[in-house]
Amino acid sequence: MTALNNPLRMRYNQIMIADLEQTELVWVDQPQKLKEIADELLKQDILAVDTESNSLYAYQEQVCLIQFSTREKDYLVDALVLPDLSPLAPIFKSEDILKVFHAAEYDLICLFRDYGFRFNFLFDTMIAARTLGYQQIGLGSLLKQFFGIEVKKKYQRANWGKRPIKEEMLAYARLDSHYLIQLQQHLRKELESSGRWDLALEDFRRLTQGVEDTTSSSEDDFWKLQGARDLNPRQAAVLKSVYEFREATAKAQNRPTFKVLSHQVLVDIASTCPETQSELSKVPSLNKRLANRYGKGLIDAVLAGKQAPPEYPPHYERPENGILNRIDTLREWRKYTGQDLGVPSDVILPRDVLNRIAWASPNSIKALKEQMQDVPHRFDRFGHEIIKIINNGSKPS
């Protein structure tokens, strides 16, 4: 049992929550009301949290709605209308209020990106389900399994940036947070009884460390398109040019880039370099409507790309064979260990930790402990196995 476990275990209390029909719903779209509910939430010891964004409907997505649930109330905060959400910052940062999310990582990224929020003391029901070896880990599947609730999937792709929000969408959003506290209770009991509580607790803590905006772009992003590295340097310069045209167009229209032109269209244009409307119309993945709408801009982008310096793929130094061998060995070990426990392999050893160990090549249990400082339970549980297979240099059978 790690030192991390003892003080935290006492703070994960037994929780019960009222049925949906018996719970008050609070709509928050005024600054004064936000301050009032923030004061209410700060008095809680546990909250369920979820967010809704408009990723399918805007060039730069943003958080449009934040849902909170307590034992007694559900709150819907209109993040798109409220000018300042800073009253919520102490809630997310509190080490005394347990925040329950489902699949928290992207929520945290979005909340940090849009508002700079930092986080402490979380419980992620998806991570808990993965740690327990559940095959179906989506929130809809878990709500059906534990509470017999069917969630309407049609609102998963809804436009949360449109106002007013439909009543049925609000009901859907409310459902995403309402049962999380009670679901947390069920999963926590299973984690404790199965001896996997410390494993999950370690990942809950890791969630809060180093949250950053991973949605930012760079001028080399065009290399991420499938097929980009199959192009020659001249074609790659054209790809960069038409990629930038699409970015500028999507930004001007405030639409997601994929709703302007698909990745495949950009790669096909770069591979053929059409210079006339007639040549552009022959690009197989570009339909006539889009060819007519964006034809001039695309042709101008092709011509600009042909005049630009050639582009070469970013160079990544290949790891030494010893590092690659350790990566393979550790992957094999965690795969078989995961199969024995009935969990995905990264539950046994997260990818970033695996790679860190492989690169460091620790030759003693003390050196390994230094590389696993952020996963002390995994070190206690698997450290001697890991150092053994690294020293032996052989894959587990």
Protein backbone atom coordinates (compact mmCIF):
# COMPACT_ATOMS: atom_id res chain seq x y z
CA MET A 1 0.00 0.00 0.00
CA THR A 2 1.49 3.33 -1.06
CA ALA A 3 1.76 6.41 1.11
CA LEU A 4 -0.52 8.18 -1.37
CA ASN A 5 -3.38 5.87 -0.58
CA ASN A 6 -4.07 6.43 3.11
CA PRO A 7 -5.14 10.10 3.27
CA LEU A 8 -7.07 9.95 0.01
CA ARG A 9 -8.96 6.78 0.80
CA MET A 10 -10.69 8.49 3.72
CA ARG A 11 -11.95 11.31 1.46
CA TYR A 12 -13.78 9.05 -1.02
CA ASN A 13 -16.97 8.79 1.00
CA GLN A 14 -20.05 6.66 0.53
CA ILE A 15 -22.39 8.68 -1.68
CA MET A 16 -26.08 8.43 -2.58
CA ILE A 17 -28.03 10.74 -4.87
CA ALA A 18 -31.70 11.41 -5.56
CA ASP A 19 -33.53 10.17 -8.64
CA LEU A 20 -33.60 12.50 -11.62
CA GLU A 21 -37.26 13.42 -11.15
CA GLN A 22 -36.66 14.44 -7.54
CA THR A 23 -33.65 16.65 -8.26
CA GLU A 24 -33.89 20.40 -8.76
CA LEU A 25 -32.53 21.75 -12.05
CA VAL A 26 -30.77 25.14 -11.92
CA TRP A 27 -30.09 27.11 -15.13
CA VAL A 28 -27.21 29.59 -14.84
CA ASP A 29 -26.72 32.34 -17.44
CA GLN A 30 -26.25 35.48 -15.31
CA PRO A 31 -23.00 36.58 -13.59
CA GLN A 32 -24.65 37.07 -10.19
CA LYS A 33 -26.29 33.66 -10.40
CA LEU A 34 -22.94 32.12 -11.27
CA LYS A 35 -21.35 33.62 -8.16
CA GLU A 36 -24.21 32.29 -6.05
CA ILE A 37 -23.99 28.75 -7.35
CA ALA A 38 -20.18 28.81 -7.14
CA ASP A 39 -20.55 29.55 -3.43
CA GLU A 40 -22.99 26.63 -3.15
CA LEU A 41 -20.67 24.25 -4.96
CA LEU A 42 -17.71 25.22 -2.81
CA LYS A 43 -19.59 23.87 0.21
CA GLN A 44 -19.90 20.39 -1.32
CA ASP A 45 -17.56 17.49 -0.74
CA ILE A 46 -18.34 15.86 -4.09
CA LEU A 47 -19.52 17.10 -7.51
CA ALA A 48 -20.16 15.49 -10.86
CA VAL A 49 -18.93 17.50 -13.85
CA ASP A 50 -19.31 17.34 -17.62
CA THR A 51 -18.97 19.75 -20.54
CA GLU A 52 -20.46 20.18 -24.00
CA SER A 53 -18.55 21.85 -26.83
CA ASN A 54 -19.26 22.80 -30.43
CA SER A 55 -16.37 20.96 -32.07
CA LEU A 56 -18.43 19.90 -35.09
CA TYR A 57 -19.72 23.39 -35.79
CA ALA A 58 -16.88 25.90 -35.31
CA TYR A 59 -13.33 26.47 -36.53
CA GLN A 60 -12.06 26.80 -32.98
CA GLU A 61 -14.27 24.81 -30.71
CA GLN A 62 -15.18 26.18 -27.30
CA VAL A 63 -16.93 24.98 -24.19
CA CYS A 64 -20.60 25.90 -24.52
CA LEU A 65 -22.13 24.26 -21.45
CA ILE A 66 -20.81 23.03 -18.12
CA GLN A 67 -22.90 20.59 -16.11
CA PHE A 68 -22.56 20.11 -12.36
CA SER A 69 -24.48 17.70 -10.17
CA THR A 70 -24.56 17.45 -6.38
CA ARG A 71 -26.56 15.07 -4.21
CA GLU A 72 -29.52 17.47 -4.32
CA LYS A 73 -29.31 19.56 -7.53
CA ASP A 74 -28.26 19.61 -11.17
CA TYR A 75 -26.76 22.80 -12.57
CA LEU A 76 -26.41 23.81 -16.23
CA VAL A 77 -23.98 26.71 -16.71
CA ASP A 78 -24.23 28.55 -20.02
CA ALA A 79 -20.52 29.03 -20.67
CA LEU A 80 -21.16 30.58 -24.07
CA VAL A 81 -23.16 33.50 -22.62
CA LEU A 82 -21.39 34.19 -19.33
CA PRO A 83 -18.49 36.65 -19.77
CA ASP A 84 -16.41 35.42 -16.84
CA LEU A 85 -16.28 31.90 -15.40
CA SER A 86 -13.48 32.59 -12.93
CA PRO A 87 -15.78 31.95 -9.91
CA LEU A 88 -15.55 28.27 -10.84
CA ALA A 89 -11.74 28.16 -10.64
CA PRO A 90 -11.54 27.44 -6.87
CA ILE A 91 -13.94 24.51 -7.31
CA PHE A 92 -11.80 22.75 -9.90
CA LYS A 93 -8.60 23.47 -7.99
CA SER A 94 -9.97 22.41 -4.59
CA GLU A 95 -8.30 19.49 -2.87
CA ASP A 96 -11.35 19.00 -0.66
CA ILE A 97 -14.09 18.65 -3.30
CA LEU A 98 -14.04 15.40 -5.28
CA LYS A 99 -14.87 16.09 -8.93
CA VAL A 100 -16.33 13.11 -10.78
CA PHE A 101 -15.96 13.06 -14.58
CA HIS A 102 -16.44 10.46 -17.26
CA ALA A 103 -13.54 10.45 -19.74
CA ALA A 104 -12.13 13.55 -18.09
CA GLU A 105 -9.03 14.15 -20.19
CA TYR A 106 -10.65 16.12 -23.01
CA ASP A 107 -12.90 18.05 -20.62
CA LEU A 108 -9.82 19.14 -18.71
CA ILE A 109 -8.00 20.16 -21.88
CA CYS A 110 -10.97 22.25 -23.04
CA LEU A 111 -11.54 23.87 -19.66
CA PHE A 112 -7.85 24.76 -19.42
CA ARG A 113 -7.71 26.00 -23.02
CA ASP A 114 -10.75 28.26 -22.69
CA TYR A 115 -10.48 29.40 -19.06
CA GLY A 116 -7.08 28.40 -17.69
CA PHE A 117 -8.64 26.19 -15.00
CA ARG A 118 -6.36 23.88 -13.02
CA PHE A 119 -7.52 20.70 -11.34
CA ASN A 120 -7.11 18.59 -8.23
CA PHE A 121 -8.85 15.60 -6.64
CA LEU A 122 -10.69 13.84 -9.50
CA PHE A 123 -12.45 10.53 -10.06
CA ASP A 124 -12.86 9.38 -13.68
CA THR A 125 -15.56 6.73 -14.12
CA MET A 126 -14.17 5.67 -17.51
CA ILE A 127 -10.71 5.07 -16.06
CA ALA A 128 -12.32 3.17 -13.20
CA ALA A 129 -14.23 0.96 -15.65
CA ARG A 130 -11.06 0.30 -17.70
CA THR A 131 -9.13 -0.55 -14.55
CA LEU A 132 -11.84 -3.06 -13.66
CA GLY A 133 -11.64 -4.64 -17.12
CA TYR A 134 -15.09 -3.59 -18.36
CA GLN A 135 -15.55 -4.24 -22.06
CA GLN A 136 -18.13 -1.47 -22.49
CA ILE A 137 -16.78 1.73 -20.93
CA GLY A 138 -18.92 4.43 -22.56
CA LEU A 139 -21.13 6.41 -20.22
CA GLY A 140 -24.27 5.23 -22.00
CA SER A 141 -23.29 1.59 -21.50
CA LEU A 142 -22.49 2.12 -17.82
CA LEU A 143 -25.73 4.01 -17.15
CA LYS A 144 -27.69 1.20 -18.77
CA GLN A 145 -25.82 -1.47 -16.82
CA PHE A 146 -26.10 0.16 -13.40
CA PHE A 147 -29.33 2.16 -13.62
CA GLY A 148 -31.24 0.74 -16.59
CA ILE A 149 -31.15 4.12 -18.35
CA GLU A 150 -31.13 4.45 -22.14
CA VAL A 151 -29.29 7.56 -23.36
CA LYS A 152 -30.36 9.08 -26.69
CA LYS A 153 -27.21 9.15 -28.78
CA LYS A 154 -28.54 11.64 -31.32
CA TYR A 155 -27.48 14.60 -29.17
CA GLN A 156 -23.83 13.51 -28.97
CA ARG A 157 -23.22 15.41 -32.20
CA ALA A 158 -25.60 18.30 -31.52
CA ASN A 159 -24.69 21.96 -31.98
CA TRP A 160 -24.21 23.13 -28.40
CA GLY A 161 -23.25 26.59 -29.60
CA LYS A 162 -26.74 27.33 -30.90
CA ARG A 163 -29.10 29.33 -28.69
CA PRO A 164 -31.66 28.76 -27.33
CA ILE A 165 -30.82 25.18 -26.46
CA LYS A 166 -33.68 22.76 -27.01
CA GLU A 167 -35.33 21.33 -23.89
CA GLU A 168 -34.53 17.75 -24.92
CA MET A 169 -30.86 18.70 -25.35
CA LEU A 170 -30.80 20.18 -21.86
CA ALA A 171 -32.29 16.95 -20.53
CA TYR A 172 -29.58 15.00 -22.32
CA ALA A 173 -26.84 17.25 -20.93
CA ARG A 174 -28.23 16.94 -17.43
CA LEU A 175 -28.18 13.16 -17.71
CA ASP A 176 -24.44 13.21 -18.44
CA SER A 177 -23.64 14.41 -14.93
CA HIS A 178 -26.64 13.45 -12.80
CA TYR A 179 -25.74 9.81 -12.14
CA LEU A 180 -21.96 10.16 -12.03
CA ILE A 181 -21.79 10.49 -8.25
CA GLN A 182 -23.73 7.29 -7.75
CA LEU A 183 -21.78 5.54 -10.53
CA GLN A 184 -18.59 6.57 -8.79
CA GLN A 185 -19.80 4.86 -5.64
CA HIS A 186 -20.47 1.56 -7.43
CA LEU A 187 -17.14 1.58 -9.25
CA ARG A 188 -15.16 2.60 -6.19
CA LYS A 189 -16.55 -0.36 -4.27
CA GLU A 190 -15.52 -2.69 -7.07
CA LEU A 191 -12.06 -1.15 -7.25
CA GLU A 192 -11.55 -1.64 -3.53
CA SER A 193 -12.89 -5.18 -3.43
CA SER A 194 -10.77 -6.20 -6.44
CA GLY A 195 -7.57 -4.69 -5.04
CA ARG A 196 -7.33 -2.18 -7.91
CA TRP A 197 -8.21 0.99 -6.04
CA ASP A 198 -4.60 2.18 -5.79
CA LEU A 199 -4.08 1.54 -9.49
CA ALA A 200 -7.05 3.73 -10.41
CA LEU A 201 -6.17 6.34 -7.80
CA GLU A 202 -2.78 6.72 -9.39
CA ASP A 203 -4.35 7.50 -12.76
CA PHE A 204 -6.85 9.93 -11.25
CA ARG A 205 -3.93 11.87 -9.83
CA ARG A 206 -2.00 11.74 -13.12
CA LEU A 207 -5.00 13.30 -14.87
CA THR A 208 -4.48 16.54 -12.96
CA GLN A 209 -0.76 16.81 -13.70
CA GLY A 210 0.48 18.73 -16.70
CA VAL A 211 -2.89 19.53 -18.30
CA GLU A 212 -2.15 21.56 -21.43
CA ASP A 213 -3.80 22.77 -24.61
CA THR A 214 -3.20 20.05 -27.20
CA THR A 215 -5.53 21.66 -29.74
CA SER A 216 -3.07 24.32 -30.89
CA SER A 217 -1.73 24.08 -34.43
CA SER A 218 1.67 24.50 -36.09
CA GLU A 219 2.87 25.15 -39.63
CA ASP A 220 3.98 21.52 -39.95
CA ASP A 221 0.54 20.07 -39.23
CA PHE A 222 -0.01 19.26 -42.91
CA TRP A 223 2.51 16.43 -42.52
CA LYS A 224 -0.02 14.67 -40.26
CA LEU A 225 -2.40 14.07 -43.19
CA GLN A 226 -2.49 10.49 -44.39
CA GLY A 227 -0.51 10.27 -47.62
CA ALA A 228 1.51 13.46 -47.02
CA ARG A 229 4.77 11.58 -46.67
CA ASP A 230 4.18 9.78 -49.95
CA LEU A 231 4.50 13.09 -51.83
CA ASN A 232 7.73 14.42 -53.27
CA PRO A 233 9.12 17.71 -51.86
CA ARG A 234 7.51 19.85 -54.59
CA GLN A 235 4.13 18.25 -54.08
CA ALA A 236 4.54 18.64 -50.31
CA ALA A 237 5.00 22.39 -50.81
CA VAL A 238 1.70 22.44 -52.72
CA LEU A 239 0.06 20.44 -49.94
CA LYS A 240 1.23 23.00 -47.39
CA SER A 241 -0.19 25.81 -49.52
CA VAL A 242 -3.65 24.24 -50.04
CA TYR A 243 -3.69 23.23 -46.36
CA GLU A 244 -3.14 26.87 -45.38
CA PHE A 245 -5.88 27.91 -47.81
CA ARG A 246 -8.29 25.53 -46.11
CA GLU A 247 -7.30 26.81 -42.65
CA ALA A 248 -7.88 30.43 -43.65
CA THR A 249 -11.20 29.59 -45.31
CA ALA A 250 -12.45 27.59 -42.33
CA LYS A 251 -11.44 30.35 -39.94
CA ALA A 252 -13.23 32.99 -42.03
CA GLN A 253 -16.38 30.86 -42.15
CA ASN A 254 -16.03 29.72 -38.51
CA ARG A 255 -16.46 26.11 -39.60
CA PRO A 256 -14.46 22.98 -38.82
CA THR A 257 -11.80 22.39 -41.46
CA PHE A 258 -13.22 19.00 -42.45
CA LYS A 259 -16.50 20.70 -43.38
CA VAL A 260 -14.65 22.91 -45.86
CA LEU A 261 -12.48 20.32 -47.62
CA SER A 262 -11.52 16.79 -46.57
CA HIS A 263 -7.95 15.71 -45.89
CA GLN A 264 -8.10 13.42 -48.91
CA VAL A 265 -9.02 16.29 -51.23
CA LEU A 266 -5.93 18.23 -50.13
CA VAL A 267 -3.60 15.27 -50.68
CA ASP A 268 -5.16 14.48 -54.07
CA ILE A 269 -4.77 18.10 -55.18
CA ALA A 270 -1.14 18.14 -54.06
CA SER A 271 -0.39 14.92 -55.91
CA THR A 272 -1.83 16.21 -59.24
CA CYS A 273 -1.17 19.98 -58.90
CA PRO A 274 -4.09 21.18 -61.07
CA GLU A 275 -3.57 24.69 -62.51
CA THR A 276 -6.92 25.17 -64.25
CA GLN A 277 -10.57 24.70 -63.33
CA SER A 278 -10.77 21.88 -65.86
CA GLU A 279 -7.84 20.04 -64.26
CA LEU A 280 -9.24 20.67 -60.79
CA SER A 281 -12.57 19.11 -61.77
CA LYS A 282 -10.75 15.84 -62.47
CA VAL A 283 -9.60 15.44 -58.86
CA PRO A 284 -11.61 12.32 -57.88
CA SER A 285 -12.29 13.21 -54.25
CA LEU A 286 -13.43 16.79 -55.00
CA ASN A 287 -17.10 17.10 -55.92
CA LYS A 288 -18.36 19.62 -58.45
CA ARG A 289 -19.99 21.90 -55.88
CA LEU A 290 -16.79 22.31 -53.88
CA ALA A 291 -14.70 22.66 -57.05
CA ASN A 292 -16.89 25.55 -58.15
CA ARG A 293 -17.00 27.15 -54.71
CA TYR A 294 -13.29 27.01 -53.91
CA GLY A 295 -11.80 26.59 -57.38
CA LYS A 296 -10.05 29.94 -57.71
CA GLY A 297 -8.62 29.81 -54.20
CA LEU A 298 -7.36 26.26 -54.65
CA ILE A 299 -5.73 27.00 -58.00
CA ASP A 300 -4.06 30.08 -56.56
CA ALA A 301 -2.82 27.96 -53.65
CA VAL A 302 -1.44 25.33 -56.04
CA LEU A 303 0.42 27.97 -58.05
CA ALA A 304 1.80 29.55 -54.87
CA GLY A 305 2.91 26.15 -53.62
CA LYS A 306 4.74 25.39 -56.85
CA GLN A 307 6.68 28.63 -56.46
CA ALA A 308 7.48 27.99 -52.81
CA PRO A 309 10.61 26.18 -51.57
CA PRO A 310 10.27 22.38 -51.48
CA GLU A 311 9.11 20.86 -48.20
CA TYR A 312 10.80 17.94 -46.47
CA PRO A 313 9.30 15.83 -43.67
CA PRO A 314 10.38 16.68 -40.14
CA HIS A 315 13.30 14.51 -39.17
CA TYR A 316 12.92 12.34 -36.12
CA GLU A 317 16.03 10.59 -34.92
CA ARG A 318 15.50 6.85 -34.81
CA PRO A 319 16.07 5.45 -31.32
CA GLU A 320 18.98 3.11 -30.84
CA ASN A 321 18.29 -0.60 -31.21
CA GLY A 322 18.69 -1.12 -27.48
CA ILE A 323 15.89 1.36 -26.76
CA LEU A 324 13.63 -0.21 -29.39
CA ASN A 325 14.31 -3.67 -27.96
CA ARG A 326 13.40 -2.50 -24.45
CA ILE A 327 10.21 -0.90 -25.78
CA ASP A 328 9.23 -4.17 -27.47
CA THR A 329 10.09 -6.19 -24.38
CA LEU A 330 8.07 -3.95 -22.07
CA ARG A 331 5.13 -3.91 -24.48
CA GLU A 332 5.08 -7.71 -24.58
CA TRP A 333 5.29 -7.91 -20.79
CA ARG A 334 2.45 -5.44 -20.21
CA LYS A 335 0.30 -7.14 -22.86
CA TYR A 336 0.55 -10.52 -21.16
CA THR A 337 0.19 -8.98 -17.70
CA GLY A 338 -2.91 -7.11 -18.88
CA GLN A 339 -4.38 -10.30 -20.28
CA ASP A 340 -3.83 -12.05 -16.95
CA LEU A 341 -5.69 -9.25 -15.13
CA GLY A 342 -8.30 -8.79 -17.84
CA VAL A 343 -7.46 -5.15 -18.51
CA PRO A 344 -6.02 -3.14 -21.43
CA SER A 345 -2.23 -3.19 -21.49
CA ASP A 346 -1.83 0.53 -20.78
CA VAL A 347 -3.64 0.07 -17.47
CA ILE A 348 -0.64 -2.00 -16.43
CA LEU A 349 1.92 0.55 -17.61
CA PRO A 350 0.98 3.83 -19.35
CA ARG A 351 2.74 4.46 -22.63
CA ASP A 352 4.65 7.53 -21.46
CA VAL A 353 6.02 5.63 -18.46
CA LEU A 354 6.96 2.65 -20.62
CA ASN A 355 8.87 4.85 -23.05
CA ARG A 356 10.57 6.74 -20.22
CA ILE A 357 11.83 3.47 -18.73
CA ALA A 358 12.98 2.17 -22.10
CA TRP A 359 15.00 5.30 -22.83
CA ALA A 360 16.51 5.53 -19.34
CA SER A 361 17.46 1.83 -19.22
CA PRO A 362 17.60 1.64 -15.40
CA ASN A 363 20.00 -1.06 -14.21
CA SER A 364 18.81 -1.24 -10.60
CA ILE A 365 15.58 -1.16 -8.67
CA LYS A 366 16.61 2.22 -7.24
CA ALA A 367 17.14 3.66 -10.73
CA LEU A 368 13.80 2.24 -11.86
CA LYS A 369 12.04 3.86 -8.90
CA GLU A 370 13.31 7.25 -10.07
CA GLN A 371 11.69 6.69 -13.47
CA MET A 372 8.41 5.62 -11.86
CA GLN A 373 8.04 8.39 -9.28
CA ASP A 374 4.65 9.41 -10.67
CA VAL A 375 3.34 5.81 -10.56
CA PRO A 376 4.47 4.58 -7.11
CA HIS A 377 1.80 1.89 -6.86
CA ARG A 378 2.83 0.39 -10.17
CA PHE A 379 6.43 0.47 -9.01
CA ASP A 380 5.51 -1.38 -5.80
CA ARG A 381 3.43 -3.91 -7.71
CA PHE A 382 5.46 -4.47 -10.88
CA GLY A 383 8.88 -2.92 -10.31
CA HIS A 384 10.80 -6.13 -9.68
CA GLU A 385 9.23 -7.79 -12.73
CA ILE A 386 10.12 -4.81 -14.90
CA ILE A 387 13.74 -4.60 -13.79
CA LYS A 388 14.09 -8.35 -14.26
CA ILE A 389 12.91 -8.38 -17.88
CA ILE A 390 15.00 -5.29 -18.68
CA ASN A 391 18.14 -6.90 -17.25
CA ASN A 392 17.43 -10.22 -18.95
CA GLY A 393 16.72 -8.43 -22.23
CA SER A 394 14.19 -11.09 -23.21
CA LYS A 395 10.47 -11.00 -23.85
CA PRO A 396 8.13 -12.81 -21.48
CA SER A 397 6.88 -16.15 -22.73
